[in-house]
Protein backbone atom coordinates (compact mmCIF):
# COMPACT_ATOMS: atom_id res chain seq x y z
CA MET A 1 -97.41 42.78 -4.83
CA ALA A 2 -99.23 44.77 -7.55
CA GLY A 3 -102.33 44.44 -5.79
CA LYS A 4 -100.82 46.42 -2.91
CA GLY A 5 -99.45 49.00 -5.19
CA VAL A 6 -102.61 49.56 -7.03
CA ARG A 7 -104.68 50.05 -3.62
CA GLY A 8 -101.90 52.49 -2.62
CA LEU A 9 -102.12 54.65 -5.82
CA ASN A 10 -105.92 54.65 -5.27
CA GLU A 11 -105.52 56.16 -1.87
CA ALA A 12 -103.16 58.41 -3.11
CA LEU A 13 -105.80 59.41 -5.99
CA ARG A 14 -108.79 59.70 -3.39
CA GLY A 15 -106.78 62.00 -0.93
CA LEU A 16 -105.62 64.25 -3.93
CA SER A 17 -109.42 64.47 -4.75
CA LEU A 18 -110.00 65.45 -1.15
CA SER A 19 -107.64 68.27 -0.94
CA SER A 20 -108.65 69.82 -4.27
CA GLN A 21 -112.15 70.01 -2.97
CA THR A 22 -110.94 71.87 0.15
CA CYS A 23 -109.08 74.15 -1.81
CA ARG A 24 -112.18 75.21 -3.92
CA GLU A 25 -114.43 75.50 -1.05
CA ALA A 26 -111.97 78.02 0.56
CA ALA A 27 -111.56 80.13 -2.64
CA SER A 28 -115.41 80.35 -3.03
CA TYR A 29 -115.79 81.66 0.43
CA ARG A 30 -116.13 85.68 0.98
CA ILE A 31 -115.02 87.37 3.86
CA LYS A 32 -117.41 90.20 4.84
CA PRO A 33 -116.73 93.73 4.02
CA SER A 34 -117.49 94.62 7.91
CA ILE A 35 -114.65 92.34 8.92
CA LEU A 36 -112.23 94.82 7.06
CA THR A 37 -113.42 98.09 8.14
CA ARG A 38 -111.70 100.07 10.71
CA SER A 39 -113.05 102.05 13.72
CA MET A 40 -113.32 105.52 13.47
CA ALA A 41 -110.59 105.89 16.18
CA THR A 42 -108.00 104.31 14.15
CA GLU A 43 -109.23 105.66 10.64
CA ALA A 44 -106.38 108.24 8.96
CA PRO A 45 -107.56 110.39 6.04
CA LEU A 46 -106.16 109.56 2.80
CA PRO A 47 -104.16 112.17 0.67
CA ASN A 48 -106.15 114.07 -1.64
CA ALA A 49 -104.57 112.55 -5.17
CA ASN A 50 -106.93 115.37 -6.75
CA SER A 51 -104.68 118.32 -5.22
CA PRO A 52 -103.60 120.71 -8.33
CA VAL A 53 -100.15 120.39 -9.33
CA ASN A 54 -98.57 122.85 -12.05
CA ALA A 55 -96.47 120.23 -14.01
CA ASP A 56 -95.29 122.92 -16.51
CA ALA A 57 -93.78 125.17 -13.75
CA PRO A 58 -89.89 125.28 -14.57
CA TRP A 59 -87.74 123.95 -11.64
CA ARG A 60 -85.93 126.67 -10.27
CA PRO A 61 -82.51 125.75 -8.22
CA ALA A 62 -81.56 127.45 -5.11
CA THR A 63 -79.28 130.13 -5.57
CA THR A 64 -77.81 130.82 -2.33
CA VAL A 65 -76.42 128.66 0.47
CA PRO A 66 -76.39 129.32 4.42
CA LEU A 67 -72.97 130.22 6.06
CA THR A 68 -72.44 130.38 9.54
CA ILE A 69 -70.00 132.74 10.81
CA PHE A 70 -68.31 131.39 14.45
CA ASN A 71 -66.28 133.01 17.00
CA PHE A 72 -62.55 132.06 17.50
CA PRO A 73 -61.71 130.49 19.57
CA SER A 74 -64.79 129.37 21.53
CA PHE A 75 -66.24 128.34 18.23
CA GLU A 76 -69.95 130.00 19.02
CA PRO A 77 -72.12 130.95 16.06
CA GLN A 78 -72.29 134.79 15.72
CA ARG A 79 -74.63 135.19 12.63
CA LEU A 80 -76.21 133.35 9.80
CA GLU A 81 -75.29 134.59 6.15
CA SER A 82 -76.07 133.82 2.60
CA TRP A 83 -73.59 132.99 0.03
CA SER A 84 -74.07 132.38 -3.83
CA THR A 85 -74.12 128.98 -4.95
CA LYS A 86 -71.66 129.90 -7.46
CA HIS A 87 -69.05 130.37 -4.88
CA LEU A 88 -69.72 127.83 -2.44
CA HIS A 89 -71.60 125.32 -3.87
CA LEU A 90 -70.21 124.09 -7.39
CA PRO A 91 -70.20 120.23 -8.16
CA LEU A 92 -67.17 118.13 -7.78
CA ARG A 93 -64.91 118.46 -10.58
CA ARG A 94 -61.71 116.17 -9.96
CA ASP A 95 -60.11 116.70 -13.41
CA ILE A 96 -60.21 120.55 -12.83
CA LEU A 97 -58.60 120.22 -9.55
CA HIS A 98 -56.20 117.83 -10.61
CA LEU A 99 -54.76 120.44 -13.47
CA ALA A 100 -54.69 123.25 -11.00
CA VAL A 101 -52.74 121.10 -8.61
CA VAL A 102 -50.32 119.80 -11.34
CA TYR A 103 -50.13 123.49 -12.46
CA GLU A 104 -49.00 124.59 -8.79
CA GLY A 105 -46.82 121.67 -8.70
CA ASP A 106 -44.83 122.19 -11.96
CA ASN A 107 -44.54 126.14 -11.47
CA THR A 108 -43.09 125.54 -7.76
CA ARG A 109 -40.08 123.60 -9.36
CA GLN A 110 -36.69 125.08 -9.25
CA GLY A 111 -35.46 123.34 -12.21
CA THR A 112 -31.70 124.43 -11.23
CA ALA A 113 -30.03 120.93 -11.39
CA SER A 114 -26.94 121.03 -13.54
CA THR A 115 -24.08 118.89 -14.25
CA ARG A 116 -20.99 119.28 -16.45
CA THR A 117 -20.40 117.86 -20.04
CA ARG A 118 -16.84 116.86 -21.04
CA TRP A 119 -16.49 119.72 -22.76
CA GLU A 120 -17.08 121.90 -19.71
CA VAL A 121 -14.55 119.85 -16.99
CA SER A 122 -11.48 121.65 -16.37
CA GLY A 123 -8.14 120.30 -17.23
CA SER A 124 -5.77 119.21 -20.24
CA HIS A 125 -7.34 117.79 -23.31
CA ARG A 126 -4.24 115.83 -24.40
CA LYS A 127 -4.54 112.15 -24.87
CA ILE A 128 -4.09 109.88 -21.81
CA ARG A 129 -1.80 107.05 -23.35
CA PRO A 130 -1.00 106.20 -26.84
CA GLN A 131 -3.37 104.37 -28.84
CA LYS A 132 -1.63 100.96 -29.51
CA GLY A 133 1.28 99.28 -28.01
CA THR A 134 0.14 99.34 -24.24
CA GLY A 135 -1.88 96.50 -24.47
CA ARG A 136 -4.80 98.43 -22.48
CA SER A 137 -7.77 99.90 -23.53
CA ARG A 138 -7.62 102.98 -25.42
CA LEU A 139 -8.65 106.35 -23.63
CA GLY A 140 -8.52 109.81 -25.01
CA THR A 141 -8.60 112.87 -22.77
CA GLN A 142 -9.35 113.03 -19.03
CA GLN A 143 -12.80 114.62 -19.50
CA SER A 144 -14.12 111.31 -20.83
CA PRO A 145 -17.48 110.12 -19.30
CA MET A 146 -15.99 106.88 -18.72
CA LEU A 147 -13.45 108.17 -16.08
CA ARG A 148 -14.10 109.39 -12.49
CA GLY A 149 -14.33 113.16 -12.62
CA GLY A 150 -15.03 113.21 -16.17
CA GLY A 151 -18.24 114.53 -17.84
CA LYS A 152 -21.70 113.72 -17.64
CA VAL A 153 -23.21 112.22 -20.45
CA PHE A 154 -27.06 113.45 -20.79
CA GLY A 155 -27.01 115.11 -17.45
CA PRO A 156 -29.57 117.50 -16.04
CA LYS A 157 -29.35 121.38 -17.25
CA PRO A 158 -31.49 124.10 -15.59
CA ARG A 159 -34.94 124.27 -17.36
CA ASP A 160 -38.21 125.59 -16.70
CA PHE A 161 -40.63 123.08 -15.62
CA GLY A 162 -43.54 125.26 -15.43
CA THR A 163 -47.03 124.59 -17.34
CA LYS A 164 -49.69 126.61 -18.08
CA ILE A 165 -53.45 126.65 -17.54
CA THR A 166 -56.23 129.23 -18.60
CA ARG A 167 -57.27 131.54 -15.67
CA LYS A 168 -60.95 130.93 -15.89
CA VAL A 169 -60.15 126.96 -15.26
CA TYR A 170 -57.93 128.11 -12.29
CA ASP A 171 -60.41 130.27 -10.65
CA LEU A 172 -62.96 127.54 -10.94
CA ALA A 173 -60.84 125.00 -9.47
CA TRP A 174 -60.39 127.67 -6.32
CA ARG A 175 -64.21 127.84 -5.81
CA THR A 176 -64.45 124.05 -6.51
CA ALA A 177 -61.92 123.05 -3.52
CA LEU A 178 -64.00 125.60 -1.37
CA SER A 179 -67.34 123.95 -2.21
CA TYR A 180 -65.93 120.57 -1.77
CA ARG A 181 -64.95 121.59 1.81
CA TYR A 182 -68.24 123.38 2.24
CA ARG A 183 -70.73 120.51 1.41
CA ARG A 184 -68.38 118.20 3.66
CA GLY A 185 -68.91 120.39 6.51
CA GLU A 186 -65.16 121.19 6.58
CA LEU A 187 -65.32 124.82 6.00
CA VAL A 188 -65.24 126.88 9.20
CA VAL A 189 -65.62 130.56 8.78
CA CYS A 190 -64.53 132.90 11.59
CA GLN A 191 -64.69 136.47 12.50
CA ASP A 192 -62.16 138.77 11.24
CA GLY A 193 -59.13 139.36 13.36
CA MET A 194 -58.69 135.64 14.16
CA GLU A 195 -55.95 135.50 17.14
CA LEU A 196 -55.23 133.00 19.76
CA PRO A 197 -56.08 134.76 23.18
CA LEU A 198 -53.76 134.08 26.00
CA PRO A 199 -54.46 133.85 29.59
CA ASN A 200 -53.75 137.06 31.61
CA GLU A 201 -51.39 135.07 33.89
CA PHE A 202 -49.19 134.29 31.37
CA ALA A 203 -49.15 138.19 29.79
CA ALA A 204 -48.21 139.20 33.23
CA LEU A 205 -45.14 136.53 33.67
CA VAL A 206 -43.93 137.49 30.05
CA ALA A 207 -43.87 141.63 30.98
CA GLY A 208 -42.22 140.86 33.90
CA GLY A 209 -39.58 138.60 32.55
CA ASP A 210 -40.12 135.63 34.57
CA LEU A 211 -40.51 133.32 31.24
CA GLN A 212 -37.83 132.62 29.16
CA GLU A 213 -38.29 132.17 25.19
CA ASP A 214 -38.18 128.61 25.59
CA LEU A 215 -41.13 128.37 28.18
CA GLN A 216 -42.87 130.80 26.01
CA ARG A 217 -43.05 128.75 23.12
CA SER A 218 -43.52 125.51 25.00
CA PHE A 219 -46.34 127.55 26.71
CA LYS A 220 -47.85 128.36 23.28
CA ALA A 221 -47.98 125.07 21.72
CA ARG A 222 -49.52 123.75 24.77
CA TRP A 223 -52.38 125.93 24.71
CA ALA A 224 -52.59 125.64 21.27
CA GLN A 225 -53.18 122.01 21.24
CA GLN A 226 -55.80 122.33 24.18
CA VAL A 227 -57.79 125.01 22.08
CA LEU A 228 -57.73 122.59 19.22
CA ASP A 229 -58.45 119.48 20.81
CA THR A 230 -61.63 121.34 22.55
CA ASN A 231 -62.81 122.34 19.10
CA GLU A 232 -62.05 118.80 17.65
CA TRP A 233 -59.65 120.43 15.35
CA GLY A 234 -56.50 118.74 16.48
CA ARG A 235 -54.52 115.99 15.44
CA ARG A 236 -57.05 113.11 16.54
CA ASN A 237 -59.44 114.50 13.90
CA GLY A 238 -57.22 115.66 11.17
CA ARG A 239 -54.75 118.71 10.83
CA SER A 240 -56.45 122.27 10.14
CA THR A 241 -55.52 124.77 7.99
CA PHE A 242 -55.55 128.49 9.41
CA ILE A 243 -55.99 131.26 6.96
CA THR A 244 -55.97 134.98 7.83
CA THR A 245 -55.60 138.20 5.82
CA ASP A 246 -52.71 139.30 8.10
CA TYR A 247 -50.01 137.88 10.39
CA ARG A 248 -51.43 136.85 13.51
CA GLU A 249 -48.43 136.58 16.15
CA ASN A 250 -49.70 134.31 18.81
CA LEU A 251 -51.63 131.78 16.46
CA TYR A 252 -48.58 131.57 13.77
CA GLU A 253 -46.12 131.08 16.51
CA ALA A 254 -48.13 128.32 18.59
CA LEU A 255 -48.98 126.75 15.43
CA ASN A 256 -45.40 126.69 14.31
CA GLU A 257 -44.51 124.68 17.39
CA VAL A 258 -47.07 121.82 16.79
CA PRO A 259 -47.17 121.08 13.06
CA ASN A 260 -49.30 117.72 13.59
CA TYR A 261 -51.98 119.92 14.95
CA GLY A 262 -52.58 122.34 12.21
CA ARG A 263 -51.01 125.29 10.33
CA ALA A 264 -51.35 128.93 9.59
CA LEU A 265 -51.21 130.72 6.05
CA ASP A 266 -51.46 134.28 4.99
CA ILE A 267 -54.11 134.38 2.12
CA GLU A 268 -51.12 135.25 -0.20
CA ASP A 269 -49.63 131.81 0.53
CA VAL A 270 -52.48 129.71 -0.08
CA ASP A 271 -52.92 127.66 -3.22
CA VAL A 272 -55.51 125.13 -4.29
CA LYS A 273 -53.33 122.15 -3.10
CA ASP A 274 -53.44 124.26 0.41
CA LEU A 275 -57.31 123.93 0.23
CA LEU A 276 -57.41 120.25 0.09
CA GLU A 277 -54.07 119.13 2.18
CA THR A 278 -55.55 119.11 5.99
CA GLY A 279 -58.67 117.94 7.50
CA ARG A 280 -60.49 121.28 7.35
CA LEU A 281 -60.43 125.05 6.65
CA VAL A 282 -60.53 127.58 9.53
CA VAL A 283 -60.82 130.82 7.58
CA GLU A 284 -61.72 134.49 8.27
CA ARG A 285 -64.52 135.84 6.89
CA GLU A 286 -62.71 138.69 5.14
CA ALA A 287 -60.04 136.27 3.74
CA LEU A 288 -62.75 133.89 2.07
CA LYS A 289 -64.66 136.90 0.81
CA GLU A 290 -61.09 138.15 -0.92
CA MET A 291 -60.26 134.80 -1.96
CA ILE A 292 -63.57 134.44 -4.00
CA GLU A 293 -63.32 138.00 -5.25
CA ARG A 294 -59.75 137.23 -6.68
CA HIS A 295 -61.14 133.87 -8.33
CA GLN A 296 -64.35 134.40 -10.02
CA SER A 297 -63.25 135.51 -13.82
CA ASP A 298 -65.16 132.75 -15.37
CA ILE A 299 -68.60 134.41 -13.99
CA ILE A 300 -68.00 137.87 -14.15
CA THR A 301 -69.02 139.55 -17.35
CA ARG A 302 -66.34 141.75 -18.98
CA VAL A 303 -69.23 143.83 -20.86
CA PHE A 304 -69.08 147.50 -19.83
CA VAL A 305 -71.83 148.73 -17.95
CA THR A 306 -72.46 152.29 -17.58
CA ASP A 307 -74.23 152.20 -13.85
CA ALA A 308 -71.40 151.52 -11.59
CA ALA A 309 -74.30 150.56 -9.04
CA LEU A 310 -75.11 147.20 -10.64
CA PRO A 311 -73.31 144.15 -9.18
CA ARG A 312 -70.56 142.82 -11.08
CA GLY A 313 -70.80 139.07 -9.67
CA PRO A 314 -73.09 137.06 -7.41
CA GLU A 315 -73.63 138.31 -4.27
CA SER A 316 -72.43 136.73 -1.11
CA GLY A 317 -72.27 137.61 2.53
CA LYS A 318 -75.72 138.92 3.00
CA VAL A 319 -76.73 138.42 6.71
CA LEU A 320 -79.79 136.60 7.49
CA VAL A 321 -79.84 135.99 11.26
CA GLU A 322 -77.76 138.03 13.73
């Protein structure tokens, strides 16, 4: 048995020496250079690594962003404008948006809840029953908080829930919300005078008095649904908020009938929360410009300038392609 084990060990060592010799021979073999060369048909020029690069040149970020102005409701592009990055391309600041939304919510609260204390409840203030001798609990007047109809202990009183925020932070929150919508492609800017056009047949029936008010509202709601679904602004793609500079009768009445598809707001009724609630914003160009002009106190200098022709803030709205 021992002899068989020795013979097996010798055979294994002999095989190991043969394999190592084969590896040494393969390592000593050198491939000819002609094998690795490519033909001229497949050869591609290498990039020039010695091209001059000015490493000392300062990096200058873009100062404007493109904005497309669409037609409503066909959603056809009309022109391309350049707007300042300080207006529509600010970084996302969740903390500032949170401060603005909380500020608006606090100042919206009415704070009119009020309850009566035991001194404000009407009625006699005599003692209900004797202090002793009846075997029952001690009671004072009928205005006691322990009795039904009595006063309220530590109940709410009218107060002001409003909080404060600096104007510059609030203005920055406005432009941050618009920038957030712009970067996500959820800011649709349309031409001024955005109104929902109705078919001529419908106008003829209304003028002739053939349609009742219920049928008119139903048709406007149906028509608004078709327009929003065609542009992918409807309920399936998230509700849309329409912001105009003035009241548009057809648009406002139609969207009031289909609140699940969108809503229309006047520029005076818009807050930061309204810019973040729905799936997208459909804004008139003039309304967008007015909102930005109202909320740019943090980027407008207060230094008095004698030359009135100088711009007071970043320029936006320059036409690039029309």
